[in-house]
Amino acid sequence: MKPKLLRNKTPEELQKLLKEKREELFKLKLDLKARKLKNVKMIGETKRDIARILTILKEKLRNPPK
């Protein structure tokens, strides 16, 4: 997910997206343990998406728009 797209979202939307990404990461990890996951790269991409969301969310909460 591109940071530019995330910056246009409200903090509430980012919180919702963060929850979805964390659930997705959990499912990917379960699939990995069950040897069902074909693309292991998805785990790293999901973790990076979570980090991007958290970073932008912190920026928005620290510097609210005027």
Protein backbone atom coordinates (compact mmCIF):
# COMPACT_ATOMS: atom_id res chain seq x y z
CA MET A 1 0.00 0.00 0.00
CA LYS A 2 1.35 3.40 -0.98
CA PRO A 3 1.98 5.99 1.77
CA LYS A 4 0.37 8.65 -0.44
CA LEU A 5 -2.95 6.75 -0.30
CA LEU A 6 -2.70 6.33 3.46
CA ARG A 7 -2.09 10.02 4.11
CA ASN A 8 -5.47 10.87 2.54
CA LYS A 9 -7.35 8.73 5.06
CA THR A 10 -8.76 9.86 8.40
CA PRO A 11 -7.39 8.42 11.67
CA GLU A 12 -10.56 6.36 12.05
CA GLU A 13 -10.10 4.82 8.60
CA LEU A 14 -6.46 4.10 9.41
CA GLN A 15 -7.45 2.35 12.64
CA LYS A 16 -9.91 0.17 10.72
CA LEU A 17 -7.32 -0.62 8.06
CA LEU A 18 -4.75 -1.44 10.76
CA LYS A 19 -7.13 -3.94 12.34
CA GLU A 20 -7.78 -5.57 8.96
CA LYS A 21 -4.05 -5.83 8.20
CA ARG A 22 -3.31 -7.38 11.59
CA GLU A 23 -6.05 -9.97 11.01
CA GLU A 24 -4.62 -10.66 7.55
CA LEU A 25 -1.14 -11.16 9.04
CA PHE A 26 -2.55 -13.59 11.60
CA LYS A 27 -4.24 -15.62 8.85
CA LEU A 28 -1.07 -15.62 6.76
CA LYS A 29 0.93 -16.94 9.69
CA LEU A 30 -1.63 -19.70 10.27
CA ASP A 31 -1.48 -20.66 6.60
CA LEU A 32 2.31 -20.72 6.78
CA LYS A 33 2.22 -23.13 9.72
CA ALA A 34 -0.31 -25.32 7.91
CA ARG A 35 1.88 -25.20 4.76
CA LYS A 36 -0.96 -23.70 2.74
CA LEU A 37 0.74 -20.41 1.98
CA LYS A 38 2.11 -20.23 -1.57
CA ASN A 39 3.62 -16.72 -1.46
CA VAL A 40 5.67 -16.24 1.72
CA LYS A 41 6.55 -12.72 0.56
CA MET A 42 3.02 -11.62 1.54
CA ILE A 43 3.94 -11.82 5.23
CA GLY A 44 6.71 -9.24 4.84
CA GLU A 45 4.54 -6.98 2.70
CA THR A 46 1.75 -7.08 5.28
CA LYS A 47 4.18 -6.26 8.09
CA ARG A 48 5.48 -3.28 6.11
CA ASP A 49 1.91 -2.11 5.48
CA ILE A 50 1.21 -2.28 9.22
CA ALA A 51 4.37 -0.25 9.94
CA ARG A 52 3.39 2.37 7.35
CA ILE A 53 -0.11 2.68 8.80
CA LEU A 54 1.25 3.05 12.34
CA THR A 55 3.76 5.68 11.25
CA ILE A 56 1.20 7.79 9.42
CA LEU A 57 -1.32 7.37 12.24
CA LYS A 58 1.23 8.67 14.75
CA GLU A 59 2.04 11.61 12.48
CA LYS A 60 -1.64 12.52 12.20
CA LEU A 61 -2.24 12.27 15.94
CA ARG A 62 0.87 14.29 16.75
CA ASN A 63 0.15 17.03 14.20
CA PRO A 64 -3.60 17.40 13.69
CA PRO A 65 -4.69 19.44 10.64
CA LYS A 66 -5.55 23.07 11.32
